[in-house]
Amino acid sequence: MKSKKIPLRKCVACQEMMPKKQLIRVVKTPEGEIMIDLTGKKSGRGAYLCGSEACFRLAQKNRALDRALKAQVQPEIYEQLAREFLEVEEQFIAGQNGSDDDE
């Protein structure tokens, strides 16, 4: 049986290559709105982060999201993303544990 190819993406903070399903996507929509995309299907420019708060803080400190999204990310948006990130972190980890069955 042929094995399924697993798409890899790089975390913008720690620069580690990981399977796409293990990363959280932050997207800049065509309207210029920056948000977390758990589905991975929203249109716009995306950047991937590990599912840990430490990586998010590193990306904020190094302004990695600014470079990856090719847009200035305002401090207010970082704070909003930080709140959303903490909310979705548990949900994301729980979804990871359950998603191994469909591969």
N, C-alpha and C. Protein backbone atom coordinates (compact mmCIF):
# COMPACT_ATOMS: atom_id res chain seq x y z
N MET A 1 0.84 -1.18 0.00
CA MET A 1 0.00 0.00 0.00
C MET A 1 0.89 1.25 0.00
N LYS A 2 0.55 2.18 -0.87
CA LYS A 2 1.33 3.39 -1.00
C LYS A 2 1.06 4.32 0.19
N SER A 3 2.15 4.83 0.81
CA SER A 3 1.97 5.72 1.96
C SER A 3 1.60 7.12 1.47
N LYS A 4 0.77 7.78 2.26
CA LYS A 4 0.28 9.10 1.93
C LYS A 4 1.36 10.14 2.24
N LYS A 5 1.57 11.07 1.32
CA LYS A 5 2.55 12.13 1.53
C LYS A 5 2.03 13.11 2.57
N ILE A 6 2.86 13.42 3.56
CA ILE A 6 2.47 14.33 4.63
C ILE A 6 3.10 15.69 4.35
N PRO A 7 2.25 16.73 4.14
CA PRO A 7 2.81 18.06 3.87
C PRO A 7 3.52 18.63 5.09
N LEU A 8 4.70 19.20 4.88
CA LEU A 8 5.48 19.80 5.97
C LEU A 8 5.45 21.32 5.84
N ARG A 9 5.46 21.98 6.99
CA ARG A 9 5.56 23.44 7.05
C ARG A 9 6.56 23.81 8.12
N LYS A 10 7.10 25.02 8.04
CA LYS A 10 8.10 25.48 8.99
C LYS A 10 7.47 26.49 9.96
N CYS A 11 7.72 26.28 11.24
CA CYS A 11 7.28 27.22 12.27
C CYS A 11 8.08 28.51 12.08
N VAL A 12 7.40 29.66 12.02
CA VAL A 12 8.11 30.92 11.78
C VAL A 12 8.93 31.35 12.99
N ALA A 13 8.65 30.80 14.16
CA ALA A 13 9.39 31.18 15.37
C ALA A 13 10.63 30.32 15.56
N CYS A 14 10.46 29.01 15.66
CA CYS A 14 11.60 28.13 15.98
C CYS A 14 12.25 27.54 14.73
N GLN A 15 11.68 27.79 13.55
CA GLN A 15 12.23 27.32 12.27
C GLN A 15 12.27 25.80 12.14
N GLU A 16 11.45 25.09 12.89
CA GLU A 16 11.43 23.64 12.84
C GLU A 16 10.39 23.16 11.82
N MET A 17 10.78 22.24 10.95
CA MET A 17 9.86 21.65 9.98
C MET A 17 9.02 20.58 10.68
N MET A 18 7.70 20.69 10.51
CA MET A 18 6.79 19.75 11.15
C MET A 18 5.63 19.47 10.20
N PRO A 19 4.91 18.35 10.42
CA PRO A 19 3.71 18.11 9.62
C PRO A 19 2.71 19.25 9.80
N LYS A 20 2.06 19.61 8.72
CA LYS A 20 1.14 20.74 8.70
C LYS A 20 0.06 20.65 9.78
N LYS A 21 -0.41 19.44 10.06
CA LYS A 21 -1.48 19.25 11.04
C LYS A 21 -1.03 19.52 12.47
N GLN A 22 0.27 19.56 12.72
CA GLN A 22 0.78 19.81 14.06
C GLN A 22 1.05 21.29 14.31
N LEU A 23 0.77 22.14 13.32
CA LEU A 23 1.04 23.56 13.44
C LEU A 23 -0.27 24.35 13.41
N ILE A 24 -0.24 25.54 13.98
CA ILE A 24 -1.39 26.44 13.96
C ILE A 24 -1.12 27.51 12.91
N ARG A 25 -2.10 27.76 12.05
CA ARG A 25 -1.94 28.73 10.98
C ARG A 25 -2.50 30.08 11.41
N VAL A 26 -1.69 31.11 11.19
CA VAL A 26 -2.13 32.49 11.38
C VAL A 26 -2.24 33.06 9.98
N VAL A 27 -3.38 33.66 9.65
CA VAL A 27 -3.63 34.11 8.29
C VAL A 27 -3.92 35.60 8.23
N LYS A 28 -3.43 36.24 7.16
CA LYS A 28 -3.80 37.62 6.85
C LYS A 28 -4.75 37.54 5.67
N THR A 29 -6.01 37.86 5.91
CA THR A 29 -7.02 37.75 4.86
C THR A 29 -6.82 38.82 3.80
N PRO A 30 -7.45 38.66 2.64
CA PRO A 30 -7.35 39.70 1.60
C PRO A 30 -7.84 41.07 2.08
N GLU A 31 -8.71 41.08 3.10
CA GLU A 31 -9.19 42.35 3.66
C GLU A 31 -8.19 42.97 4.63
N GLY A 32 -7.10 42.24 4.94
CA GLY A 32 -6.07 42.76 5.83
C GLY A 32 -6.25 42.35 7.28
N GLU A 33 -7.25 41.55 7.59
CA GLU A 33 -7.49 41.09 8.96
C GLU A 33 -6.56 39.93 9.28
N ILE A 34 -5.98 39.93 10.49
CA ILE A 34 -5.07 38.87 10.90
C ILE A 34 -5.75 38.05 11.98
N MET A 35 -5.82 36.72 11.77
CA MET A 35 -6.52 35.85 12.70
C MET A 35 -5.93 34.45 12.70
N ILE A 36 -6.34 33.65 13.67
CA ILE A 36 -5.92 32.25 13.74
C ILE A 36 -6.89 31.43 12.90
N ASP A 37 -6.34 30.53 12.09
CA ASP A 37 -7.13 29.69 11.20
C ASP A 37 -6.91 28.23 11.57
N LEU A 38 -7.80 27.66 12.37
CA LEU A 38 -7.65 26.26 12.76
C LEU A 38 -7.99 25.31 11.62
N THR A 39 -8.83 25.74 10.67
CA THR A 39 -9.21 24.87 9.56
C THR A 39 -8.07 24.75 8.55
N GLY A 40 -7.25 25.80 8.44
CA GLY A 40 -6.16 25.80 7.47
C GLY A 40 -6.65 26.05 6.06
N LYS A 41 -7.90 26.52 5.90
CA LYS A 41 -8.47 26.69 4.58
C LYS A 41 -8.90 28.11 4.25
N LYS A 42 -8.75 29.03 5.19
CA LYS A 42 -9.16 30.41 4.91
C LYS A 42 -8.22 31.01 3.86
N SER A 43 -8.80 31.86 3.01
CA SER A 43 -7.96 32.46 1.97
C SER A 43 -7.11 33.57 2.56
N GLY A 44 -5.94 33.72 2.01
CA GLY A 44 -5.03 34.75 2.46
C GLY A 44 -3.63 34.19 2.66
N ARG A 45 -2.74 35.06 3.09
CA ARG A 45 -1.34 34.67 3.32
C ARG A 45 -1.22 34.06 4.71
N GLY A 46 -0.63 32.88 4.78
CA GLY A 46 -0.54 32.17 6.05
C GLY A 46 0.87 32.06 6.58
N ALA A 47 0.95 31.93 7.90
CA ALA A 47 2.20 31.66 8.60
C ALA A 47 1.89 30.60 9.64
N TYR A 48 2.82 29.71 9.87
CA TYR A 48 2.58 28.59 10.78
C TYR A 48 3.41 28.73 12.05
N LEU A 49 2.77 28.35 13.17
CA LEU A 49 3.42 28.36 14.48
C LEU A 49 3.20 27.03 15.17
N CYS A 50 4.19 26.61 15.95
CA CYS A 50 4.02 25.42 16.79
C CYS A 50 2.86 25.69 17.74
N GLY A 51 2.28 24.65 18.27
CA GLY A 51 1.14 24.81 19.16
C GLY A 51 1.51 25.21 20.57
N SER A 52 2.66 25.83 20.79
CA SER A 52 3.06 26.19 22.16
C SER A 52 3.07 27.71 22.32
N GLU A 53 2.78 28.14 23.52
CA GLU A 53 2.77 29.57 23.81
C GLU A 53 4.18 30.15 23.69
N ALA A 54 5.20 29.34 24.00
CA ALA A 54 6.59 29.81 23.93
C ALA A 54 6.94 30.22 22.49
N CYS A 55 6.50 29.43 21.52
CA CYS A 55 6.78 29.77 20.12
C CYS A 55 6.05 31.04 19.71
N PHE A 56 4.82 31.20 20.21
CA PHE A 56 4.08 32.42 19.89
C PHE A 56 4.80 33.64 20.45
N ARG A 57 5.26 33.55 21.68
CA ARG A 57 5.99 34.66 22.32
C ARG A 57 7.29 34.96 21.56
N LEU A 58 7.98 33.91 21.11
CA LEU A 58 9.21 34.09 20.35
C LEU A 58 8.91 34.80 19.02
N ALA A 59 7.83 34.40 18.37
CA ALA A 59 7.44 35.04 17.11
C ALA A 59 7.10 36.50 17.33
N GLN A 60 6.46 36.79 18.46
CA GLN A 60 6.11 38.17 18.78
C GLN A 60 7.37 38.99 19.04
N LYS A 61 8.29 38.42 19.80
CA LYS A 61 9.54 39.12 20.13
C LYS A 61 10.38 39.40 18.89
N ASN A 62 10.48 38.41 18.01
CA ASN A 62 11.31 38.54 16.80
C ASN A 62 10.59 39.16 15.62
N ARG A 63 9.30 39.49 15.80
CA ARG A 63 8.47 40.04 14.73
C ARG A 63 8.42 39.10 13.52
N ALA A 64 8.45 37.79 13.80
CA ALA A 64 8.46 36.79 12.74
C ALA A 64 7.16 36.80 11.93
N LEU A 65 6.03 37.08 12.60
CA LEU A 65 4.76 37.13 11.87
C LEU A 65 4.73 38.30 10.90
N ASP A 66 5.35 39.41 11.26
CA ASP A 66 5.41 40.56 10.35
C ASP A 66 6.07 40.16 9.04
N ARG A 67 7.20 39.47 9.15
CA ARG A 67 7.94 39.06 7.95
C ARG A 67 7.17 38.00 7.17
N ALA A 68 6.62 37.02 7.86
CA ALA A 68 5.94 35.92 7.17
C ALA A 68 4.65 36.38 6.49
N LEU A 69 3.92 37.29 7.13
CA LEU A 69 2.66 37.77 6.56
C LEU A 69 2.85 38.97 5.65
N LYS A 70 4.10 39.47 5.58
CA LYS A 70 4.43 40.64 4.76
C LYS A 70 3.52 41.83 5.08
N ALA A 71 3.32 42.03 6.38
CA ALA A 71 2.49 43.15 6.84
C ALA A 71 2.91 43.52 8.26
N GLN A 72 2.73 44.78 8.60
CA GLN A 72 3.02 45.24 9.96
C GLN A 72 1.91 44.74 10.87
N VAL A 73 2.28 43.94 11.87
CA VAL A 73 1.31 43.43 12.83
C VAL A 73 1.36 44.35 14.05
N GLN A 74 0.26 45.04 14.29
CA GLN A 74 0.19 46.01 15.39
C GLN A 74 0.22 45.30 16.75
N PRO A 75 0.73 45.96 17.81
CA PRO A 75 0.77 45.35 19.15
C PRO A 75 -0.61 44.90 19.64
N GLU A 76 -1.66 45.65 19.28
CA GLU A 76 -3.01 45.26 19.70
C GLU A 76 -3.40 43.92 19.08
N ILE A 77 -2.98 43.71 17.85
CA ILE A 77 -3.30 42.45 17.16
C ILE A 77 -2.53 41.30 17.80
N TYR A 78 -1.27 41.55 18.19
CA TYR A 78 -0.51 40.52 18.91
C TYR A 78 -1.22 40.14 20.21
N GLU A 79 -1.76 41.14 20.93
CA GLU A 79 -2.47 40.85 22.18
C GLU A 79 -3.73 40.05 21.90
N GLN A 80 -4.45 40.43 20.85
CA GLN A 80 -5.66 39.69 20.48
C GLN A 80 -5.29 38.25 20.10
N LEU A 81 -4.24 38.10 19.30
CA LEU A 81 -3.78 36.77 18.91
C LEU A 81 -3.34 35.96 20.12
N ALA A 82 -2.70 36.62 21.09
CA ALA A 82 -2.26 35.93 22.30
C ALA A 82 -3.46 35.35 23.05
N ARG A 83 -4.52 36.15 23.18
CA ARG A 83 -5.74 35.65 23.84
C ARG A 83 -6.34 34.48 23.06
N GLU A 84 -6.46 34.65 21.74
CA GLU A 84 -7.01 33.58 20.89
C GLU A 84 -6.13 32.34 20.94
N PHE A 85 -4.82 32.56 20.96
CA PHE A 85 -3.87 31.44 20.96
C PHE A 85 -4.03 30.60 22.21
N LEU A 86 -4.19 31.27 23.36
CA LEU A 86 -4.39 30.53 24.61
C LEU A 86 -5.71 29.77 24.57
N GLU A 87 -6.75 30.36 23.97
CA GLU A 87 -8.05 29.70 23.87
C GLU A 87 -7.97 28.46 22.98
N VAL A 88 -7.31 28.60 21.83
CA VAL A 88 -7.30 27.49 20.87
C VAL A 88 -6.21 26.47 21.14
N GLU A 89 -5.24 26.82 22.00
CA GLU A 89 -4.13 25.89 22.26
C GLU A 89 -4.64 24.55 22.78
N GLU A 90 -5.53 24.58 23.77
CA GLU A 90 -6.07 23.33 24.32
C GLU A 90 -6.91 22.61 23.28
N GLN A 91 -7.74 23.36 22.56
CA GLN A 91 -8.59 22.79 21.52
C GLN A 91 -7.73 22.15 20.42
N PHE A 92 -6.65 22.83 20.04
CA PHE A 92 -5.75 22.34 19.00
C PHE A 92 -5.07 21.05 19.43
N ILE A 93 -4.58 21.02 20.67
CA ILE A 93 -3.90 19.82 21.19
C ILE A 93 -4.88 18.65 21.26
N ALA A 94 -6.11 18.92 21.70
CA ALA A 94 -7.12 17.87 21.78
C ALA A 94 -7.46 17.37 20.37
N GLY A 95 -7.53 18.27 19.40
CA GLY A 95 -7.82 17.88 18.02
C GLY A 95 -6.70 17.07 17.39
N GLN A 96 -5.47 17.36 17.78
CA GLN A 96 -4.32 16.61 17.28
C GLN A 96 -4.39 15.15 17.73
N ASN A 97 -4.71 14.93 18.99
CA ASN A 97 -4.76 13.59 19.53
C ASN A 97 -5.83 12.77 18.87
N GLY A 98 -6.94 13.38 18.47
CA GLY A 98 -8.03 12.65 17.83
C GLY A 98 -7.88 12.52 16.33
N SER A 99 -7.03 13.33 15.70
CA SER A 99 -6.93 13.33 14.23
C SER A 99 -6.02 12.24 13.68
N ASP A 100 -5.32 11.53 14.53
CA ASP A 100 -4.41 10.48 14.04
C ASP A 100 -5.15 9.31 13.43
N ASP A 101 -6.44 9.15 13.74
CA ASP A 101 -7.20 8.02 13.25
C ASP A 101 -7.50 8.09 11.76
N ASP A 102 -7.62 9.32 11.21
CA ASP A 102 -8.02 9.44 9.81
C ASP A 102 -6.85 9.41 8.84
N GLU A 103 -5.65 9.17 9.28
CA GLU A 103 -4.50 9.12 8.37
C GLU A 103 -4.23 7.70 7.94
